[in-house]
PDB file of N, CA and C in Angstrom:
ATOM      1  N   MET A   1       0.855  -1.169   0.000  1.00  0.00           N
ATOM      2  CA  MET A   1       0.000   0.000   0.000  1.00  0.00           C
ATOM      3  C   MET A   1       0.900   1.231   0.000  1.00  0.00           C
ATOM      4  N   CYS A   2       0.536   2.241  -0.765  1.00  0.00           N
ATOM      5  CA  CYS A   2       1.308   3.470  -0.765  1.00  0.00           C
ATOM      6  C   CYS A   2       0.395   4.660  -0.506  1.00  0.00           C
ATOM      7  N   TYR A   3       0.963   5.682   0.058  1.00  0.00           N
ATOM      8  CA  TYR A   3       0.208   6.885   0.378  1.00  0.00           C
ATOM      9  C   TYR A   3       0.873   8.058  -0.316  1.00  0.00           C
ATOM     10  N   ILE A   4       0.175   8.677  -1.256  1.00  0.00           N
ATOM     11  CA  ILE A   4       0.730   9.795  -1.999  1.00  0.00           C
ATOM     12  C   ILE A   4      -0.341  10.863  -2.141  1.00  0.00           C
ATOM     13  N   SER A   5      -0.048  12.053  -1.657  1.00  0.00           N
ATOM     14  CA  SER A   5      -0.939  13.216  -1.805  1.00  0.00           C
ATOM     15  C   SER A   5      -2.391  12.895  -1.452  1.00  0.00           C
ATOM     16  N   GLY A   6      -2.605  12.190  -0.363  1.00  0.00           N
ATOM     17  CA  GLY A   6      -3.959  11.947   0.097  1.00  0.00           C
ATOM     18  C   GLY A   6      -4.683  10.814  -0.605  1.00  0.00           C
ATOM     19  N   VAL A   7      -4.007  10.079  -1.491  1.00  0.00           N
ATOM     20  CA  VAL A   7      -4.648   8.976  -2.205  1.00  0.00           C
ATOM     21  C   VAL A   7      -3.976   7.681  -1.777  1.00  0.00           C
ATOM     22  N   ILE A   8      -4.776   6.690  -1.466  1.00  0.00           N
ATOM     23  CA  ILE A   8      -4.224   5.399  -1.074  1.00  0.00           C
ATOM     24  C   ILE A   8      -4.492   4.405  -2.191  1.00  0.00           C
ATOM     25  N   GLY A   9      -3.434   3.768  -2.696  1.00  0.00           N
ATOM     26  CA  GLY A   9      -3.570   2.761  -3.741  1.00  0.00           C
ATOM     27  C   GLY A   9      -3.265   1.397  -3.166  1.00  0.00           C
ATOM     28  N   THR A  10      -4.140   0.443  -3.374  1.00  0.00           N
ATOM     29  CA  THR A  10      -3.930  -0.877  -2.788  1.00  0.00           C
ATOM     30  C   THR A  10      -3.733  -1.955  -3.835  1.00  0.00           C
ATOM     31  N   GLN A  11      -3.989  -1.634  -5.109  1.00  0.00           N
ATOM     32  CA  GLN A  11      -3.817  -2.640  -6.149  1.00  0.00           C
ATOM     33  C   GLN A  11      -2.765  -2.181  -7.147  1.00  0.00           C
ATOM     34  N   GLU A  12      -1.960  -3.117  -7.591  1.00  0.00           N
ATOM     35  CA  GLU A  12      -0.947  -2.827  -8.592  1.00  0.00           C
ATOM     36  C   GLU A  12      -1.214  -3.681  -9.811  1.00  0.00           C
ATOM     37  N   LYS A  13      -1.274  -3.039 -10.966  1.00  0.00           N
ATOM     38  CA  LYS A  13      -1.501  -3.770 -12.210  1.00  0.00           C
ATOM     39  C   LYS A  13      -0.157  -4.247 -12.754  1.00  0.00           C
ATOM     40  N   PRO A  14      -0.085  -5.494 -13.205  1.00  0.00           N
ATOM     41  CA  PRO A  14       1.187  -6.039 -13.697  1.00  0.00           C
ATOM     42  C   PRO A  14       1.802  -5.214 -14.827  1.00  0.00           C
ATOM     43  N   ILE A  15       0.954  -4.583 -15.650  1.00  0.00           N
ATOM     44  CA  ILE A  15       1.470  -3.812 -16.781  1.00  0.00           C
ATOM     45  C   ILE A  15       2.259  -2.591 -16.308  1.00  0.00           C
ATOM     46  N   ASN A  16       2.017  -2.161 -15.072  1.00  0.00           N
ATOM     47  CA  ASN A  16       2.709  -0.994 -14.540  1.00  0.00           C
ATOM     48  C   ASN A  16       4.116  -1.303 -14.030  1.00  0.00           C
ATOM     49  N   LYS A  17       4.477  -2.558 -13.910  1.00  0.00           N
ATOM     50  CA  LYS A  17       5.784  -2.899 -13.348  1.00  0.00           C
ATOM     51  C   LYS A  17       6.919  -2.267 -14.136  1.00  0.00           C
ATOM     52  N   LYS A  18       6.892  -2.354 -15.459  1.00  0.00           N
ATOM     53  CA  LYS A  18       7.948  -1.775 -16.287  1.00  0.00           C
ATOM     54  C   LYS A  18       7.991  -0.257 -16.102  1.00  0.00           C
ATOM     55  N   ALA A  19       6.832   0.379 -16.083  1.00  0.00           N
ATOM     56  CA  ALA A  19       6.771   1.827 -15.908  1.00  0.00           C
ATOM     57  C   ALA A  19       7.271   2.232 -14.527  1.00  0.00           C
ATOM     58  N   LYS A  20       6.946   1.453 -13.501  1.00  0.00           N
ATOM     59  CA  LYS A  20       7.441   1.745 -12.156  1.00  0.00           C
ATOM     60  C   LYS A  20       8.956   1.618 -12.103  1.00  0.00           C
ATOM     61  N   ASP A  21       9.479   0.613 -12.768  1.00  0.00           N
ATOM     62  CA  ASP A  21      10.935   0.453 -12.826  1.00  0.00           C
ATOM     63  C   ASP A  21      11.580   1.657 -13.516  1.00  0.00           C
ATOM     64  N   GLN A  22      10.965   2.144 -14.602  1.00  0.00           N
ATOM     65  CA  GLN A  22      11.474   3.323 -15.301  1.00  0.00           C
ATOM     66  C   GLN A  22      11.434   4.548 -14.384  1.00  0.00           C
ATOM     67  N   PHE A  23      10.343   4.675 -13.619  1.00  0.00           N
ATOM     68  CA  PHE A  23      10.222   5.793 -12.691  1.00  0.00           C
ATOM     69  C   PHE A  23      11.354   5.771 -11.664  1.00  0.00           C
ATOM     70  N   HIS A  24      11.612   4.600 -11.092  1.00  0.00           N
ATOM     71  CA  HIS A  24      12.666   4.480 -10.090  1.00  0.00           C
ATOM     72  C   HIS A  24      14.035   4.793 -10.697  1.00  0.00           C
ATOM     73  N   GLU A  25      14.275   4.343 -11.935  1.00  0.00           N
ATOM     74  CA  GLU A  25      15.541   4.634 -12.609  1.00  0.00           C
ATOM     75  C   GLU A  25      15.702   6.132 -12.827  1.00  0.00           C
ATOM     76  N   LYS A  26      14.632   6.794 -13.297  1.00  0.00           N
ATOM     77  CA  LYS A  26      14.686   8.239 -13.516  1.00  0.00           C
ATOM     78  C   LYS A  26      14.918   8.979 -12.207  1.00  0.00           C
ATOM     79  N   ALA A  27      14.201   8.567 -11.163  1.00  0.00           N
ATOM     80  CA  ALA A  27      14.345   9.219  -9.863  1.00  0.00           C
ATOM     81  C   ALA A  27      15.780   9.086  -9.359  1.00  0.00           C
ATOM     82  N   ASP A  28      16.354   7.899  -9.463  1.00  0.00           N
ATOM     83  CA  ASP A  28      17.732   7.687  -9.021  1.00  0.00           C
ATOM     84  C   ASP A  28      18.702   8.554  -9.824  1.00  0.00           C
ATOM     85  N   LYS A  29      18.490   8.630 -11.133  1.00  0.00           N
ATOM     86  CA  LYS A  29      19.372   9.401 -12.009  1.00  0.00           C
ATOM     87  C   LYS A  29      19.292  10.897 -11.680  1.00  0.00           C
ATOM     88  N   VAL A  30      18.075  11.408 -11.555  1.00  0.00           N
ATOM     89  CA  VAL A  30      17.894  12.833 -11.274  1.00  0.00           C
ATOM     90  C   VAL A  30      18.431  13.182  -9.894  1.00  0.00           C
ATOM     91  N   LEU A  31      18.082  12.391  -8.903  1.00  0.00           N
ATOM     92  CA  LEU A  31      18.561  12.679  -7.551  1.00  0.00           C
ATOM     93  C   LEU A  31      20.081  12.579  -7.456  1.00  0.00           C
ATOM     94  N   GLY A  32      20.649  11.638  -8.181  1.00  0.00           N
ATOM     95  CA  GLY A  32      22.104  11.518  -8.202  1.00  0.00           C
ATOM     96  C   GLY A  32      22.776  12.751  -8.772  1.00  0.00           C
ATOM     97  N   ALA A  33      22.111  13.410  -9.716  1.00  0.00           N
ATOM     98  CA  ALA A  33      22.684  14.598 -10.345  1.00  0.00           C
ATOM     99  C   ALA A  33      22.547  15.850  -9.484  1.00  0.00           C
ATOM    100  N   VAL A  34      21.507  15.929  -8.672  1.00  0.00           N
ATOM    101  CA  VAL A  34      21.252  17.170  -7.925  1.00  0.00           C
ATOM    102  C   VAL A  34      21.634  17.111  -6.454  1.00  0.00           C
ATOM    103  N   MET A  35      21.782  15.941  -5.902  1.00  0.00           N
ATOM    104  CA  MET A  35      22.125  15.834  -4.482  1.00  0.00           C
ATOM    105  C   MET A  35      23.633  15.999  -4.325  1.00  0.00           C
ATOM    106  N   ARG A  36      24.035  17.258  -4.496  1.00  0.00           N
ATOM    107  CA  ARG A  36      25.450  17.598  -4.426  1.00  0.00           C
ATOM    108  C   ARG A  36      25.591  18.978  -3.810  1.00  0.00           C
ATOM    109  N   GLN A  37      26.736  19.216  -3.269  1.00  0.00           N
ATOM    110  CA  GLN A  37      26.995  20.531  -2.694  1.00  0.00           C
ATOM    111  C   GLN A  37      26.966  21.559  -3.813  1.00  0.00           C
ATOM    112  N   GLY A  38      26.310  22.674  -3.567  1.00  0.00           N
ATOM    113  CA  GLY A  38      26.251  23.738  -4.552  1.00  0.00           C
ATOM    114  C   GLY A  38      24.983  23.746  -5.379  1.00  0.00           C
ATOM    115  N   PHE A  39      24.141  22.717  -5.257  1.00  0.00           N
ATOM    116  CA  PHE A  39      22.875  22.729  -6.000  1.00  0.00           C
ATOM    117  C   PHE A  39      21.805  23.384  -5.149  1.00  0.00           C
ATOM    118  N   TYR A  40      21.186  24.405  -5.709  1.00  0.00           N
ATOM    119  CA  TYR A  40      20.058  25.074  -5.069  1.00  0.00           C
ATOM    120  C   TYR A  40      18.913  25.039  -6.064  1.00  0.00           C
ATOM    121  N   GLY A  41      17.809  24.422  -5.706  1.00  0.00           N
ATOM    122  CA  GLY A  41      16.691  24.369  -6.634  1.00  0.00           C
ATOM    123  C   GLY A  41      15.672  23.342  -6.212  1.00  0.00           C
ATOM    124  N   SER A  42      14.918  22.872  -7.194  1.00  0.00           N
ATOM    125  CA  SER A  42      13.865  21.892  -6.905  1.00  0.00           C
ATOM    126  C   SER A  42      13.803  20.853  -8.005  1.00  0.00           C
ATOM    127  N   VAL A  43      13.249  19.712  -7.640  1.00  0.00           N
ATOM    128  CA  VAL A  43      13.065  18.594  -8.563  1.00  0.00           C
ATOM    129  C   VAL A  43      11.613  18.154  -8.475  1.00  0.00           C
ATOM    130  N   THR A  44      11.007  17.938  -9.627  1.00  0.00           N
ATOM    131  CA  THR A  44       9.638  17.432  -9.678  1.00  0.00           C
ATOM    132  C   THR A  44       9.617  16.145 -10.485  1.00  0.00           C
ATOM    133  N   LEU A  45       9.028  15.108  -9.904  1.00  0.00           N
ATOM    134  CA  LEU A  45       8.793  13.849 -10.609  1.00  0.00           C
ATOM    135  C   LEU A  45       7.283  13.681 -10.695  1.00  0.00           C
ATOM    136  N   GLU A  46       6.756  13.619 -11.910  1.00  0.00           N
ATOM    137  CA  GLU A  46       5.306  13.575 -12.111  1.00  0.00           C
ATOM    138  C   GLU A  46       4.924  12.311 -12.881  1.00  0.00           C
ATOM    139  N   VAL A  47       3.922  11.637 -12.380  1.00  0.00           N
ATOM    140  CA  VAL A  47       3.407  10.428 -13.030  1.00  0.00           C
ATOM    141  C   VAL A  47       1.966  10.690 -13.446  1.00  0.00           C
ATOM    142  N   SER A  48       1.676  10.510 -14.736  1.00  0.00           N
ATOM    143  CA  SER A  48       0.309  10.659 -15.243  1.00  0.00           C
ATOM    144  C   SER A  48      -0.275   9.275 -15.475  1.00  0.00           C
ATOM    145  N   LEU A  49      -1.497   9.095 -15.007  1.00  0.00           N
ATOM    146  CA  LEU A  49      -2.160   7.803 -15.151  1.00  0.00           C
ATOM    147  C   LEU A  49      -3.474   7.953 -15.911  1.00  0.00           C
ATOM    148  N   VAL A  50      -3.827   6.913 -16.645  1.00  0.00           N
ATOM    149  CA  VAL A  50      -5.110   6.829 -17.326  1.00  0.00           C
ATOM    150  C   VAL A  50      -5.699   5.471 -16.964  1.00  0.00           C
ATOM    151  N   ASP A  51      -6.835   5.491 -16.303  1.00  0.00           N
ATOM    152  CA  ASP A  51      -7.521   4.272 -15.894  1.00  0.00           C
ATOM    153  C   ASP A  51      -6.602   3.346 -15.092  1.00  0.00           C
ATOM    154  N   GLY A  52      -5.786   3.949 -14.228  1.00  0.00           N
ATOM    155  CA  GLY A  52      -4.919   3.168 -13.362  1.00  0.00           C
ATOM    156  C   GLY A  52      -3.616   2.713 -13.991  1.00  0.00           C
ATOM    157  N   LEU A  53      -3.365   3.080 -15.254  1.00  0.00           N
ATOM    158  CA  LEU A  53      -2.134   2.694 -15.936  1.00  0.00           C
ATOM    159  C   LEU A  53      -1.223   3.899 -16.094  1.00  0.00           C
ATOM    160  N   ILE A  54       0.056   3.719 -15.816  1.00  0.00           N
ATOM    161  CA  ILE A  54       1.016   4.799 -15.962  1.00  0.00           C
ATOM    162  C   ILE A  54       1.205   5.084 -17.442  1.00  0.00           C
ATOM    163  N   ARG A  55       0.955   6.342 -17.821  1.00  0.00           N
ATOM    164  CA  ARG A  55       1.082   6.752 -19.226  1.00  0.00           C
ATOM    165  C   ARG A  55       2.300   7.616 -19.473  1.00  0.00           C
ATOM    166  N   ASN A  56       2.633   8.497 -18.544  1.00  0.00           N
ATOM    167  CA  ASN A  56       3.757   9.407 -18.717  1.00  0.00           C
ATOM    168  C   ASN A  56       4.501   9.578 -17.405  1.00  0.00           C
ATOM    169  N   ILE A  57       5.813   9.716 -17.533  1.00  0.00           N
ATOM    170  CA  ILE A  57       6.655  10.039 -16.398  1.00  0.00           C
ATOM    171  C   ILE A  57       7.442  11.279 -16.801  1.00  0.00           C
ATOM    172  N   ARG A  58       7.274  12.348 -16.032  1.00  0.00           N
ATOM    173  CA  ARG A  58       7.955  13.598 -16.349  1.00  0.00           C
ATOM    174  C   ARG A  58       8.879  13.980 -15.200  1.00  0.00           C
ATOM    175  N   THR A  59      10.045  14.490 -15.560  1.00  0.00           N
ATOM    176  CA  THR A  59      10.960  15.013 -14.558  1.00  0.00           C
ATOM    177  C   THR A  59      11.249  16.474 -14.893  1.00  0.00           C
ATOM    178  N   ARG A  60      11.377  17.268 -13.860  1.00  0.00           N
ATOM    179  CA  ARG A  60      11.690  18.682 -14.054  1.00  0.00           C
ATOM    180  C   ARG A  60      12.708  19.076 -12.987  1.00  0.00           C
ATOM    181  N   VAL A  61      13.791  19.686 -13.425  1.00  0.00           N
ATOM    182  CA  VAL A  61      14.814  20.175 -12.506  1.00  0.00           C
ATOM    183  C   VAL A  61      14.924  21.681 -12.719  1.00  0.00           C
ATOM    184  N   GLU A  62      14.747  22.428 -11.647  1.00  0.00           N
ATOM    185  CA  GLU A  62      14.886  23.878 -11.694  1.00  0.00           C
ATOM    186  C   GLU A  62      16.006  24.269 -10.759  1.00  0.00           C
ATOM    187  N   GLU A  63      17.071  24.779 -11.331  1.00  0.00           N
ATOM    188  CA  GLU A  63      18.208  25.186 -10.523  1.00  0.00           C
ATOM    189  C   GLU A  63      18.194  26.697 -10.346  1.00  0.00           C
ATOM    190  N   GLN A  64      18.374  27.122  -9.126  1.00  0.00           N
ATOM    191  CA  GLN A  64      18.386  28.549  -8.808  1.00  0.00           C
ATOM    192  C   GLN A  64      19.817  29.032  -8.738  1.00  0.00           C
ATOM    193  N   GLU A  65      20.029  30.194  -9.282  1.00  0.00           N
ATOM    194  CA  GLU A  65      21.358  30.799  -9.190  1.00  0.00           C
ATOM    195  C   GLU A  65      21.436  31.605  -7.907  1.00  0.00           C
ATOM    196  N   VAL A  66      22.495  31.398  -7.187  1.00  0.00           N
ATOM    197  CA  VAL A  66      22.703  32.148  -5.959  1.00  0.00           C
ATOM    198  C   VAL A  66      23.553  33.368  -6.309  1.00  0.00           C
ATOM    199  N   VAL A  67      23.003  34.524  -6.087  1.00  0.00           N
ATOM    200  CA  VAL A  67      23.683  35.769  -6.398  1.00  0.00           C
ATOM    201  C   VAL A  67      24.212  36.359  -5.101  1.00  0.00           C
ATOM    202  N   GLY A  68      25.446  36.744  -5.128  1.00  0.00           N
ATOM    203  CA  GLY A  68      25.950  37.363  -3.891  1.00  0.00           C
ATOM    204  C   GLY A  68      27.387  37.384  -3.755  1.00  0.00           C
TER     205      GLY A  68
END
């Protein structure tokens, strides 16, 4: 069972396994790139679903420049 943004999902469809694996790979890759000294910004990982199936995985990295 997982809890995300107020929604509880209790069933996993087998077709989503590959997409979930891709999500985890992307998350690891993005976090590996930004979890470093000197990075100031935000990371967004977005999953779009249609009828319970993962259709799109989007990543967004916004780096802020520190002026001073």
